Amino acid sequence: MTSLSERESLVFTSKLCEQAEKFEEMVESIKAVAKMGKSLSTEERNLLSVAYKNIVGDGRNAWRILSSIEEKQQANATADSPHLKLIQDFRKKIEAELTAVCSDVL
C-alpha cells in the first residue's frame, strides 16, 4: 500500500470538505496546496474556485438578507431604534468578513 504525498492528501481533504459542504476547511486545505510553490493543476484550481465561490456566495446571501431586513426596519421604525443599530452592526460584520475573504484569495 502506498502512502499519499502531502499534496495528494490535501487535495483529497479538499474534496472531502466539498462533499461535506465544509467550505472554510476546504479553503484552508487547498490554500495549503497553493502555498507549496508548484503551479496548481486544473483540478486544484477548480477546487480553489469552488471553495471561495461558496464562502463568498454564503456571505453575499447573508448580506442581502440583512440589507432587506434593515430596509424594512428603517421603514417601520424610528431612526434611533436599537434593532436597527444591531442589524446595521451585523451587516457591517458580514461586509468585513467578505472583504477579508476576497483579500485572502487575491
PDB file of N, CA and C in Angstrom:
ATOM      1  N   MET A   1       0.843  -1.171   0.000  1.00  0.00           N
ATOM      2  CA  MET A   1       0.000   0.000   0.000  1.00  0.00           C
ATOM      3  C   MET A   1       0.894   1.241   0.000  1.00  0.00           C
ATOM      4  N   THR A   2       0.655   2.139  -0.923  1.00  0.00           N
ATOM      5  CA  THR A   2       1.466   3.346  -0.998  1.00  0.00           C
ATOM      6  C   THR A   2       0.798   4.466  -0.214  1.00  0.00           C
ATOM      7  N   SER A   3       1.632   5.334   0.316  1.00  0.00           N
ATOM      8  CA  SER A   3       1.079   6.460   1.068  1.00  0.00           C
ATOM      9  C   SER A   3       0.921   7.655   0.139  1.00  0.00           C
ATOM     10  N   LEU A   4       0.029   8.544   0.510  1.00  0.00           N
ATOM     11  CA  LEU A   4      -0.221   9.750  -0.267  1.00  0.00           C
ATOM     12  C   LEU A   4       0.815  10.809   0.076  1.00  0.00           C
ATOM     13  N   SER A   5       1.187  11.587  -0.926  1.00  0.00           N
ATOM     14  CA  SER A   5       2.058  12.721  -0.652  1.00  0.00           C
ATOM     15  C   SER A   5       1.239  13.763   0.109  1.00  0.00           C
ATOM     16  N   GLU A   6       1.932  14.730   0.680  1.00  0.00           N
ATOM     17  CA  GLU A   6       1.225  15.785   1.414  1.00  0.00           C
ATOM     18  C   GLU A   6       0.252  16.509   0.486  1.00  0.00           C
ATOM     19  N   ARG A   7       0.690  16.775  -0.725  1.00  0.00           N
ATOM     20  CA  ARG A   7      -0.158  17.466  -1.700  1.00  0.00           C
ATOM     21  C   ARG A   7      -1.410  16.646  -2.014  1.00  0.00           C
ATOM     22  N   GLU A   8      -1.228  15.371  -2.293  1.00  0.00           N
ATOM     23  CA  GLU A   8      -2.365  14.493  -2.598  1.00  0.00           C
ATOM     24  C   GLU A   8      -3.323  14.402  -1.423  1.00  0.00           C
ATOM     25  N   SER A   9      -2.770  14.354  -0.230  1.00  0.00           N
ATOM     26  CA  SER A   9      -3.594  14.295   0.975  1.00  0.00           C
ATOM     27  C   SER A   9      -4.431  15.568   1.136  1.00  0.00           C
ATOM     28  N   LEU A  10      -3.808  16.721   0.888  1.00  0.00           N
ATOM     29  CA  LEU A  10      -4.534  17.994   1.000  1.00  0.00           C
ATOM     30  C   LEU A  10      -5.615  18.127  -0.075  1.00  0.00           C
ATOM     31  N   VAL A  11      -5.319  17.674  -1.284  1.00  0.00           N
ATOM     32  CA  VAL A  11      -6.314  17.719  -2.359  1.00  0.00           C
ATOM     33  C   VAL A  11      -7.485  16.803  -2.011  1.00  0.00           C
ATOM     34  N   PHE A  12      -7.183  15.616  -1.516  1.00  0.00           N
ATOM     35  CA  PHE A  12      -8.249  14.686  -1.118  1.00  0.00           C
ATOM     36  C   PHE A  12      -9.081  15.275   0.011  1.00  0.00           C
ATOM     37  N   THR A  13      -8.422  15.914   0.974  1.00  0.00           N
ATOM     38  CA  THR A  13      -9.133  16.557   2.073  1.00  0.00           C
ATOM     39  C   THR A  13     -10.054  17.656   1.539  1.00  0.00           C
ATOM     40  N   SER A  14      -9.583  18.412   0.557  1.00  0.00           N
ATOM     41  CA  SER A  14     -10.414  19.451  -0.061  1.00  0.00           C
ATOM     42  C   SER A  14     -11.662  18.852  -0.693  1.00  0.00           C
ATOM     43  N   LYS A  15     -11.492  17.727  -1.355  1.00  0.00           N
ATOM     44  CA  LYS A  15     -12.638  17.053  -1.976  1.00  0.00           C
ATOM     45  C   LYS A  15     -13.632  16.571  -0.920  1.00  0.00           C
ATOM     46  N   LEU A  16     -13.107  16.023   0.175  1.00  0.00           N
ATOM     47  CA  LEU A  16     -13.989  15.587   1.263  1.00  0.00           C
ATOM     48  C   LEU A  16     -14.764  16.774   1.844  1.00  0.00           C
ATOM     49  N   CYS A  17     -14.055  17.873   2.044  1.00  0.00           N
ATOM     50  CA  CYS A  17     -14.698  19.077   2.578  1.00  0.00           C
ATOM     51  C   CYS A  17     -15.793  19.573   1.641  1.00  0.00           C
ATOM     52  N   GLU A  18     -15.534  19.501   0.343  1.00  0.00           N
ATOM     53  CA  GLU A  18     -16.552  19.917  -0.624  1.00  0.00           C
ATOM     54  C   GLU A  18     -17.801  19.059  -0.487  1.00  0.00           C
ATOM     55  N   GLN A  19     -17.614  17.758  -0.395  1.00  0.00           N
ATOM     56  CA  GLN A  19     -18.753  16.853  -0.264  1.00  0.00           C
ATOM     57  C   GLN A  19     -19.533  17.101   1.026  1.00  0.00           C
ATOM     58  N   ALA A  20     -18.812  17.456   2.084  1.00  0.00           N
ATOM     59  CA  ALA A  20     -19.443  17.711   3.381  1.00  0.00           C
ATOM     60  C   ALA A  20     -19.933  19.158   3.514  1.00  0.00           C
ATOM     61  N   GLU A  21     -19.710  19.944   2.460  1.00  0.00           N
ATOM     62  CA  GLU A  21     -20.077  21.366   2.455  1.00  0.00           C
ATOM     63  C   GLU A  21     -19.433  22.129   3.608  1.00  0.00           C
ATOM     64  N   LYS A  22     -18.164  21.807   3.861  1.00  0.00           N
ATOM     65  CA  LYS A  22     -17.351  22.494   4.868  1.00  0.00           C
ATOM     66  C   LYS A  22     -16.347  23.354   4.104  1.00  0.00           C
ATOM     67  N   PHE A  23     -16.847  24.477   3.567  1.00  0.00           N
ATOM     68  CA  PHE A  23     -16.063  25.253   2.614  1.00  0.00           C
ATOM     69  C   PHE A  23     -14.921  26.028   3.253  1.00  0.00           C
ATOM     70  N   GLU A  24     -15.064  26.438   4.492  1.00  0.00           N
ATOM     71  CA  GLU A  24     -13.943  27.128   5.150  1.00  0.00           C
ATOM     72  C   GLU A  24     -12.762  26.184   5.323  1.00  0.00           C
ATOM     73  N   GLU A  25     -13.031  24.941   5.707  1.00  0.00           N
ATOM     74  CA  GLU A  25     -11.968  23.953   5.824  1.00  0.00           C
ATOM     75  C   GLU A  25     -11.403  23.607   4.452  1.00  0.00           C
ATOM     76  N   MET A  26     -12.267  23.615   3.445  1.00  0.00           N
ATOM     77  CA  MET A  26     -11.832  23.347   2.079  1.00  0.00           C
ATOM     78  C   MET A  26     -10.842  24.416   1.622  1.00  0.00           C
ATOM     79  N   VAL A  27     -11.148  25.675   1.937  1.00  0.00           N
ATOM     80  CA  VAL A  27     -10.241  26.772   1.590  1.00  0.00           C
ATOM     81  C   VAL A  27      -8.891  26.551   2.244  1.00  0.00           C
ATOM     82  N   GLU A  28      -8.880  26.199   3.515  1.00  0.00           N
ATOM     83  CA  GLU A  28      -7.612  26.030   4.228  1.00  0.00           C
ATOM     84  C   GLU A  28      -6.763  24.924   3.608  1.00  0.00           C
ATOM     85  N   SER A  29      -7.376  23.813   3.263  1.00  0.00           N
ATOM     86  CA  SER A  29      -6.572  22.721   2.713  1.00  0.00           C
ATOM     87  C   SER A  29      -6.089  23.017   1.295  1.00  0.00           C
ATOM     88  N   ILE A  30      -6.925  23.602   0.459  1.00  0.00           N
ATOM     89  CA  ILE A  30      -6.486  23.873  -0.909  1.00  0.00           C
ATOM     90  C   ILE A  30      -5.542  25.075  -0.944  1.00  0.00           C
ATOM     91  N   LYS A  31      -5.694  25.989   0.005  1.00  0.00           N
ATOM     92  CA  LYS A  31      -4.758  27.112   0.095  1.00  0.00           C
ATOM     93  C   LYS A  31      -3.364  26.597   0.474  1.00  0.00           C
ATOM     94  N   ALA A  32      -3.311  25.577   1.309  1.00  0.00           N
ATOM     95  CA  ALA A  32      -2.024  24.971   1.664  1.00  0.00           C
ATOM     96  C   ALA A  32      -1.363  24.369   0.425  1.00  0.00           C
ATOM     97  N   VAL A  33      -2.162  23.808  -0.459  1.00  0.00           N
ATOM     98  CA  VAL A  33      -1.625  23.278  -1.713  1.00  0.00           C
ATOM     99  C   VAL A  33      -1.053  24.417  -2.551  1.00  0.00           C
ATOM    100  N   ALA A  34      -1.790  25.510  -2.637  1.00  0.00           N
ATOM    101  CA  ALA A  34      -1.346  26.653  -3.439  1.00  0.00           C
ATOM    102  C   ALA A  34      -0.046  27.248  -2.906  1.00  0.00           C
ATOM    103  N   LYS A  35       0.161  27.179  -1.603  1.00  0.00           N
ATOM    104  CA  LYS A  35       1.373  27.743  -0.995  1.00  0.00           C
ATOM    105  C   LYS A  35       2.596  26.847  -1.155  1.00  0.00           C
ATOM    106  N   MET A  36       2.409  25.680  -1.731  1.00  0.00           N
ATOM    107  CA  MET A  36       3.532  24.761  -1.905  1.00  0.00           C
ATOM    108  C   MET A  36       4.496  25.218  -2.996  1.00  0.00           C
ATOM    109  N   GLY A  37       4.104  26.199  -3.775  1.00  0.00           N
ATOM    110  CA  GLY A  37       5.017  26.762  -4.757  1.00  0.00           C
ATOM    111  C   GLY A  37       4.867  26.223  -6.164  1.00  0.00           C
ATOM    112  N   LYS A  38       4.393  25.022  -6.319  1.00  0.00           N
ATOM    113  CA  LYS A  38       4.208  24.434  -7.637  1.00  0.00           C
ATOM    114  C   LYS A  38       2.880  24.933  -8.213  1.00  0.00           C
ATOM    115  N   SER A  39       2.815  25.101  -9.519  1.00  0.00           N
ATOM    116  CA  SER A  39       1.579  25.542 -10.165  1.00  0.00           C
ATOM    117  C   SER A  39       0.446  24.578  -9.852  1.00  0.00           C
ATOM    118  N   LEU A  40      -0.749  25.132  -9.726  1.00  0.00           N
ATOM    119  CA  LEU A  40      -1.916  24.301  -9.458  1.00  0.00           C
ATOM    120  C   LEU A  40      -2.369  23.601 -10.729  1.00  0.00           C
ATOM    121  N   SER A  41      -2.806  22.368 -10.578  1.00  0.00           N
ATOM    122  CA  SER A  41      -3.391  21.640 -11.707  1.00  0.00           C
ATOM    123  C   SER A  41      -4.792  22.197 -11.959  1.00  0.00           C
ATOM    124  N   THR A  42      -5.386  21.792 -13.044  1.00  0.00           N
ATOM    125  CA  THR A  42      -6.753  22.227 -13.355  1.00  0.00           C
ATOM    126  C   THR A  42      -7.703  21.810 -12.244  1.00  0.00           C
ATOM    127  N   GLU A  43      -7.569  20.598 -11.759  1.00  0.00           N
ATOM    128  CA  GLU A  43      -8.430  20.114 -10.678  1.00  0.00           C
ATOM    129  C   GLU A  43      -8.245  20.953  -9.413  1.00  0.00           C
ATOM    130  N   GLU A  44      -7.013  21.269  -9.086  1.00  0.00           N
ATOM    131  CA  GLU A  44      -6.729  22.063  -7.888  1.00  0.00           C
ATOM    132  C   GLU A  44      -7.275  23.485  -8.024  1.00  0.00           C
ATOM    133  N   ARG A  45      -7.139  24.075  -9.212  1.00  0.00           N
ATOM    134  CA  ARG A  45      -7.704  25.408  -9.445  1.00  0.00           C
ATOM    135  C   ARG A  45      -9.217  25.385  -9.298  1.00  0.00           C
ATOM    136  N   ASN A  46      -9.837  24.333  -9.813  1.00  0.00           N
ATOM    137  CA  ASN A  46     -11.288  24.200  -9.678  1.00  0.00           C
ATOM    138  C   ASN A  46     -11.709  24.071  -8.219  1.00  0.00           C
ATOM    139  N   LEU A  47     -10.950  23.311  -7.446  1.00  0.00           N
ATOM    140  CA  LEU A  47     -11.257  23.171  -6.017  1.00  0.00           C
ATOM    141  C   LEU A  47     -11.126  24.513  -5.297  1.00  0.00           C
ATOM    142  N   LEU A  48     -10.081  25.260  -5.625  1.00  0.00           N
ATOM    143  CA  LEU A  48      -9.882  26.585  -5.028  1.00  0.00           C
ATOM    144  C   LEU A  48     -11.052  27.502  -5.382  1.00  0.00           C
ATOM    145  N   SER A  49     -11.448  27.462  -6.629  1.00  0.00           N
ATOM    146  CA  SER A  49     -12.564  28.289  -7.099  1.00  0.00           C
ATOM    147  C   SER A  49     -13.866  27.924  -6.394  1.00  0.00           C
ATOM    148  N   VAL A  50     -14.157  26.650  -6.292  1.00  0.00           N
ATOM    149  CA  VAL A  50     -15.388  26.185  -5.644  1.00  0.00           C
ATOM    150  C   VAL A  50     -15.407  26.594  -4.174  1.00  0.00           C
ATOM    151  N   ALA A  51     -14.287  26.443  -3.507  1.00  0.00           N
ATOM    152  CA  ALA A  51     -14.223  26.776  -2.082  1.00  0.00           C
ATOM    153  C   ALA A  51     -14.529  28.251  -1.847  1.00  0.00           C
ATOM    154  N   TYR A  52     -13.840  29.121  -2.566  1.00  0.00           N
ATOM    155  CA  TYR A  52     -14.056  30.557  -2.378  1.00  0.00           C
ATOM    156  C   TYR A  52     -15.429  30.994  -2.881  1.00  0.00           C
ATOM    157  N   LYS A  53     -15.871  30.410  -3.986  1.00  0.00           N
ATOM    158  CA  LYS A  53     -17.191  30.771  -4.530  1.00  0.00           C
ATOM    159  C   LYS A  53     -18.285  30.499  -3.502  1.00  0.00           C
ATOM    160  N   ASN A  54     -18.200  29.382  -2.822  1.00  0.00           N
ATOM    161  CA  ASN A  54     -19.227  29.032  -1.852  1.00  0.00           C
ATOM    162  C   ASN A  54     -19.160  29.895  -0.599  1.00  0.00           C
ATOM    163  N   ILE A  55     -17.966  30.216  -0.143  1.00  0.00           N
ATOM    164  CA  ILE A  55     -17.841  31.086   1.029  1.00  0.00           C
ATOM    165  C   ILE A  55     -18.376  32.475   0.703  1.00  0.00           C
ATOM    166  N   VAL A  56     -17.980  33.014  -0.444  1.00  0.00           N
ATOM    167  CA  VAL A  56     -18.449  34.351  -0.838  1.00  0.00           C
ATOM    168  C   VAL A  56     -19.951  34.312  -1.103  1.00  0.00           C
ATOM    169  N   GLY A  57     -20.435  33.271  -1.733  1.00  0.00           N
ATOM    170  CA  GLY A  57     -21.871  33.146  -2.005  1.00  0.00           C
ATOM    171  C   GLY A  57     -22.698  33.148  -0.726  1.00  0.00           C
ATOM    172  N   ASP A  58     -22.244  32.416   0.277  1.00  0.00           N
ATOM    173  CA  ASP A  58     -22.946  32.396   1.559  1.00  0.00           C
ATOM    174  C   ASP A  58     -22.947  33.776   2.204  1.00  0.00           C
ATOM    175  N   GLY A  59     -21.805  34.454   2.136  1.00  0.00           N
ATOM    176  CA  GLY A  59     -21.704  35.794   2.708  1.00  0.00           C
ATOM    177  C   GLY A  59     -22.578  36.797   1.978  1.00  0.00           C
ATOM    178  N   ARG A  60     -22.605  36.713   0.663  1.00  0.00           N
ATOM    179  CA  ARG A  60     -23.455  37.611  -0.126  1.00  0.00           C
ATOM    180  C   ARG A  60     -24.924  37.375   0.194  1.00  0.00           C
ATOM    181  N   ASN A  61     -25.303  36.134   0.344  1.00  0.00           N
ATOM    182  CA  ASN A  61     -26.693  35.814   0.683  1.00  0.00           C
ATOM    183  C   ASN A  61     -27.051  36.391   2.047  1.00  0.00           C
ATOM    184  N   ALA A  62     -26.168  36.230   3.012  1.00  0.00           N
ATOM    185  CA  ALA A  62     -26.407  36.787   4.350  1.00  0.00           C
ATOM    186  C   ALA A  62     -26.516  38.303   4.280  1.00  0.00           C
ATOM    187  N   TRP A  63     -25.635  38.936   3.498  1.00  0.00           N
ATOM    188  CA  TRP A  63     -25.659  40.392   3.358  1.00  0.00           C
ATOM    189  C   TRP A  63     -26.984  40.855   2.738  1.00  0.00           C
ATOM    190  N   ARG A  64     -27.452  40.170   1.698  1.00  0.00           N
ATOM    191  CA  ARG A  64     -28.726  40.534   1.051  1.00  0.00           C
ATOM    192  C   ARG A  64     -29.889  40.425   2.025  1.00  0.00           C
ATOM    193  N   ILE A  65     -29.922  39.366   2.799  1.00  0.00           N
ATOM    194  CA  ILE A  65     -30.997  39.175   3.769  1.00  0.00           C
ATOM    195  C   ILE A  65     -30.971  40.287   4.810  1.00  0.00           C
ATOM    196  N   LEU A  66     -29.790  40.578   5.336  1.00  0.00           N
ATOM    197  CA  LEU A  66     -29.679  41.633   6.340  1.00  0.00           C
ATOM    198  C   LEU A  66     -30.028  43.001   5.774  1.00  0.00           C
ATOM    199  N   SER A  67     -29.640  43.258   4.544  1.00  0.00           N
ATOM    200  CA  SER A  67     -29.975  44.540   3.910  1.00  0.00           C
ATOM    201  C   SER A  67     -31.481  44.679   3.750  1.00  0.00           C
ATOM    202  N   SER A  68     -32.137  43.600   3.385  1.00  0.00           N
ATOM    203  CA  SER A  68     -33.597  43.622   3.244  1.00  0.00           C
ATOM    204  C   SER A  68     -34.274  43.869   4.594  1.00  0.00           C
ATOM    205  N   ILE A  69     -33.793  43.194   5.625  1.00  0.00           N
ATOM    206  CA  ILE A  69     -34.345  43.394   6.972  1.00  0.00           C
ATOM    207  C   ILE A  69     -34.104  44.826   7.427  1.00  0.00           C
ATOM    208  N   GLU A  70     -32.919  45.335   7.134  1.00  0.00           N
ATOM    209  CA  GLU A  70     -32.578  46.709   7.512  1.00  0.00           C
ATOM    210  C   GLU A  70     -33.525  47.710   6.835  1.00  0.00           C
ATOM    211  N   GLU A  71     -33.788  47.510   5.551  1.00  0.00           N
ATOM    212  CA  GLU A  71     -34.696  48.404   4.828  1.00  0.00           C
ATOM    213  C   GLU A  71     -36.097  48.377   5.437  1.00  0.00           C
ATOM    214  N   LYS A  72     -36.583  47.193   5.755  1.00  0.00           N
ATOM    215  CA  LYS A  72     -37.917  47.072   6.369  1.00  0.00           C
ATOM    216  C   LYS A  72     -37.941  47.735   7.738  1.00  0.00           C
ATOM    217  N   GLN A  73     -36.863  47.546   8.495  1.00  0.00           N
ATOM    218  CA  GLN A  73     -36.777  48.141   9.834  1.00  0.00           C
ATOM    219  C   GLN A  73     -36.752  49.665   9.730  1.00  0.00           C
ATOM    220  N   GLN A  74     -36.024  50.195   8.767  1.00  0.00           N
ATOM    221  CA  GLN A  74     -35.957  51.648   8.581  1.00  0.00           C
ATOM    222  C   GLN A  74     -37.319  52.216   8.216  1.00  0.00           C
ATOM    223  N   ALA A  75     -38.074  51.481   7.430  1.00  0.00           N
ATOM    224  CA  ALA A  75     -39.390  51.946   7.015  1.00  0.00           C
ATOM    225  C   ALA A  75     -40.397  51.917   8.163  1.00  0.00           C
ATOM    226  N   ASN A  76     -40.197  51.019   9.109  1.00  0.00           N
ATOM    227  CA  ASN A  76     -41.185  50.820  10.171  1.00  0.00           C
ATOM    228  C   ASN A  76     -40.769  51.340  11.538  1.00  0.00           C
ATOM    229  N   ALA A  77     -39.564  51.865  11.668  1.00  0.00           N
ATOM    230  CA  ALA A  77     -39.072  52.232  12.995  1.00  0.00           C
ATOM    231  C   ALA A  77     -38.536  53.657  13.002  1.00  0.00           C
ATOM    232  N   THR A  78     -38.292  54.118  14.193  1.00  0.00           N
ATOM    233  CA  THR A  78     -37.666  55.425  14.343  1.00  0.00           C
ATOM    234  C   THR A  78     -36.170  55.303  14.075  1.00  0.00           C
ATOM    235  N   ALA A  79     -35.538  56.427  13.825  1.00  0.00           N
ATOM    236  CA  ALA A  79     -34.117  56.430  13.459  1.00  0.00           C
ATOM    237  C   ALA A  79     -33.220  55.894  14.563  1.00  0.00           C
ATOM    238  N   ASP A  80     -33.632  56.018  15.811  1.00  0.00           N
ATOM    239  CA  ASP A  80     -32.793  55.568  16.925  1.00  0.00           C
ATOM    240  C   ASP A  80     -33.194  54.184  17.445  1.00  0.00           C
ATOM    241  N   SER A  81     -33.820  53.400  16.611  1.00  0.00           N
ATOM    242  CA  SER A  81     -34.253  52.063  17.001  1.00  0.00           C
ATOM    243  C   SER A  81     -33.049  51.190  17.372  1.00  0.00           C
ATOM    244  N   PRO A  82     -33.098  50.533  18.540  1.00  0.00           N
ATOM    245  CA  PRO A  82     -31.979  49.651  18.908  1.00  0.00           C
ATOM    246  C   PRO A  82     -31.851  48.453  17.959  1.00  0.00           C
ATOM    247  N   HIS A  83     -32.972  48.007  17.409  1.00  0.00           N
ATOM    248  CA  HIS A  83     -32.917  46.885  16.473  1.00  0.00           C
ATOM    249  C   HIS A  83     -32.190  47.285  15.197  1.00  0.00           C
ATOM    250  N   LEU A  84     -32.454  48.483  14.732  1.00  0.00           N
ATOM    251  CA  LEU A  84     -31.809  48.962  13.517  1.00  0.00           C
ATOM    252  C   LEU A  84     -30.293  49.003  13.693  1.00  0.00           C
ATOM    253  N   LYS A  85     -29.838  49.476  14.827  1.00  0.00           N
ATOM    254  CA  LYS A  85     -28.397  49.546  15.117  1.00  0.00           C
ATOM    255  C   LYS A  85     -27.785  48.143  15.121  1.00  0.00           C
ATOM    256  N   LEU A  86     -28.454  47.172  15.730  1.00  0.00           N
ATOM    257  CA  LEU A  86     -27.957  45.794  15.760  1.00  0.00           C
ATOM    258  C   LEU A  86     -27.870  45.204  14.357  1.00  0.00           C
ATOM    259  N   ILE A  87     -28.897  45.470  13.557  1.00  0.00           N
ATOM    260  CA  ILE A  87     -28.912  44.963  12.187  1.00  0.00           C
ATOM    261  C   ILE A  87     -27.757  45.564  11.395  1.00  0.00           C
ATOM    262  N   GLN A  88     -27.573  46.879  11.518  1.00  0.00           N
ATOM    263  CA  GLN A  88     -26.500  47.556  10.791  1.00  0.00           C
ATOM    264  C   GLN A  88     -25.129  47.050  11.221  1.00  0.00           C
ATOM    265  N   ASP A  89     -24.951  46.850  12.508  1.00  0.00           N
ATOM    266  CA  ASP A  89     -23.668  46.338  13.006  1.00  0.00           C
ATOM    267  C   ASP A  89     -23.385  44.937  12.467  1.00  0.00           C
ATOM    268  N   PHE A  90     -24.417  44.103  12.438  1.00  0.00           N
ATOM    269  CA  PHE A  90     -24.243  42.742  11.952  1.00  0.00           C
ATOM    270  C   PHE A  90     -23.951  42.743  10.451  1.00  0.00           C
ATOM    271  N   ARG A  91     -24.635  43.604   9.696  1.00  0.00           N
ATOM    272  CA  ARG A  91     -24.391  43.722   8.262  1.00  0.00           C
ATOM    273  C   ARG A  91     -22.948  44.166   8.012  1.00  0.00           C
ATOM    274  N   LYS A  92     -22.469  45.111   8.807  1.00  0.00           N
ATOM    275  CA  LYS A  92     -21.091  45.583   8.664  1.00  0.00           C
ATOM    276  C   LYS A  92     -20.092  44.463   8.972  1.00  0.00           C
ATOM    277  N   LYS A  93     -20.440  43.613   9.925  1.00  0.00           N
ATOM    278  CA  LYS A  93     -19.578  42.471  10.251  1.00  0.00           C
ATOM    279  C   LYS A  93     -19.483  41.524   9.055  1.00  0.00           C
ATOM    280  N   ILE A  94     -20.618  41.263   8.415  1.00  0.00           N
ATOM    281  CA  ILE A  94     -20.638  40.392   7.237  1.00  0.00           C
ATOM    282  C   ILE A  94     -19.814  41.028   6.108  1.00  0.00           C
ATOM    283  N   GLU A  95     -19.957  42.346   5.942  1.00  0.00           N
ATOM    284  CA  GLU A  95     -19.173  43.058   4.922  1.00  0.00           C
ATOM    285  C   GLU A  95     -17.670  42.904   5.185  1.00  0.00           C
ATOM    286  N   ALA A  96     -17.279  43.028   6.433  1.00  0.00           N
ATOM    287  CA  ALA A  96     -15.861  42.892   6.785  1.00  0.00           C
ATOM    288  C   ALA A  96     -15.367  41.469   6.506  1.00  0.00           C
ATOM    289  N   GLU A  97     -16.190  40.477   6.810  1.00  0.00           N
ATOM    290  CA  GLU A  97     -15.814  39.089   6.536  1.00  0.00           C
ATOM    291  C   GLU A  97     -15.651  38.860   5.036  1.00  0.00           C
ATOM    292  N   LEU A  98     -16.574  39.396   4.241  1.00  0.00           N
ATOM    293  CA  LEU A  98     -16.483  39.255   2.787  1.00  0.00           C
ATOM    294  C   LEU A  98     -15.224  39.938   2.247  1.00  0.00           C
ATOM    295  N   THR A  99     -14.937  41.109   2.767  1.00  0.00           N
ATOM    296  CA  THR A  99     -13.735  41.829   2.348  1.00  0.00           C
ATOM    297  C   THR A  99     -12.486  41.007   2.666  1.00  0.00           C
ATOM    298  N   ALA A 100     -12.458  40.422   3.848  1.00  0.00           N
ATOM    299  CA  ALA A 100     -11.303  39.608   4.253  1.00  0.00           C
ATOM    300  C   ALA A 100     -11.140  38.387   3.344  1.00  0.00           C
ATOM    301  N   VAL A 101     -12.242  37.721   3.019  1.00  0.00           N
ATOM    302  CA  VAL A 101     -12.178  36.544   2.151  1.00  0.00           C
ATOM    303  C   VAL A 101     -11.692  36.934   0.765  1.00  0.00           C
ATOM    304  N   CYS A 102     -12.231  38.033   0.244  1.00  0.00           N
ATOM    305  CA  CYS A 102     -11.821  38.480  -1.096  1.00  0.00           C
ATOM    306  C   CYS A 102     -10.358  38.906  -1.122  1.00  0.00           C
ATOM    307  N   SER A 103      -9.904  39.545  -0.073  1.00  0.00           N
ATOM    308  CA  SER A 103      -8.491  39.940   0.009  1.00  0.00           C
ATOM    309  C   SER A 103      -7.590  38.710   0.115  1.00  0.00           C
ATOM    310  N   ASP A 104      -8.061  37.707   0.826  1.00  0.00           N
ATOM    311  CA  ASP A 104      -7.296  36.479   1.007  1.00  0.00           C
ATOM    312  C   ASP A 104      -7.060  35.761  -0.319  1.00  0.00           C
ATOM    313  N   VAL A 105      -8.066  35.702  -1.134  1.00  0.00           N
ATOM    314  CA  VAL A 105      -7.944  34.975  -2.394  1.00  0.00           C
ATOM    315  C   VAL A 105      -7.039  35.705  -3.373  1.00  0.00           C
ATOM    316  N   LEU A 106      -6.963  37.019  -3.247  1.00  0.00           N
ATOM    317  CA  LEU A 106      -6.091  37.785  -4.138  1.00  0.00           C
ATOM    318  C   LEU A 106      -4.659  37.611  -3.708  1.00  0.00           C
TER     319      LEU A 106
END
